[in-house]
Protein backbone atom coordinates (compact mmCIF):
# COMPACT_ATOMS: atom_id res chain seq x y z
CA UNK A 1 10.24 14.28 9.93
CA UNK A 2 11.58 10.83 9.13
CA UNK A 3 8.97 9.33 11.46
CA UNK A 4 6.19 11.02 9.49
CA UNK A 5 7.47 9.51 6.26
CA UNK A 6 7.18 5.96 7.58
CA UNK A 7 3.35 6.07 8.02
CA UNK A 8 3.09 8.16 4.86
CA UNK A 9 4.45 5.28 2.77
CA UNK A 10 1.58 3.05 3.87
CA UNK A 11 -1.01 5.74 3.27
CA UNK A 12 0.52 6.57 -0.10
CA UNK A 13 -0.27 3.03 -1.25
CA UNK A 14 -3.97 3.78 -0.81
CA UNK A 15 -4.19 6.57 -3.46
CA UNK A 16 -1.89 4.63 -5.79
CA UNK A 17 -4.23 1.65 -5.61
CA UNK A 18 -7.14 3.94 -6.56
CA UNK A 19 -5.46 4.44 -9.92
CA UNK A 20 -5.44 0.69 -10.44
CA UNK A 21 -9.09 0.55 -9.39
CA UNK A 22 -8.41 -1.86 -6.53
CA UNK A 23 -8.06 0.65 -3.70
CA UNK A 24 -10.27 -1.39 -1.39
CA UNK A 25 -8.45 -4.69 -1.91
CA UNK A 26 -5.00 -3.12 -1.90
CA UNK A 27 -5.74 -0.94 1.13
CA UNK A 28 -6.61 -4.06 3.14
CA UNK A 29 -3.34 -5.74 2.17
CA UNK A 30 -1.36 -2.67 3.21
CA UNK A 31 -3.19 -2.52 6.54
CA UNK A 32 -2.50 -6.20 7.20
CA UNK A 33 1.27 -6.84 7.35
CA UNK A 34 1.22 -10.40 6.02
CA UNK A 35 2.18 -12.54 3.05
CA UNK A 36 -0.31 -10.57 0.91
CA UNK A 37 1.66 -7.38 1.50
CA UNK A 38 4.66 -8.85 -0.33
CA UNK A 39 3.06 -9.87 -3.65
CA UNK A 40 0.64 -6.94 -3.55
CA UNK A 41 3.41 -4.38 -3.17
CA UNK A 42 5.42 -5.92 -6.00
CA UNK A 43 3.01 -4.90 -8.79
CA UNK A 44 2.31 -1.53 -7.13
CA UNK A 45 6.00 -0.67 -6.94
CA UNK A 46 6.49 -1.73 -10.56
């Protein structure tokens, strides 16, 4: 079950971004593990 939670976290970011209205932009950042993922996740987590 733990393994399922790992991919779930990334997918969970997609619906959360929809609330912000930037699902498309945020979804791309989540899919691409790069410098954008850091700053992008900061506001989402907060």
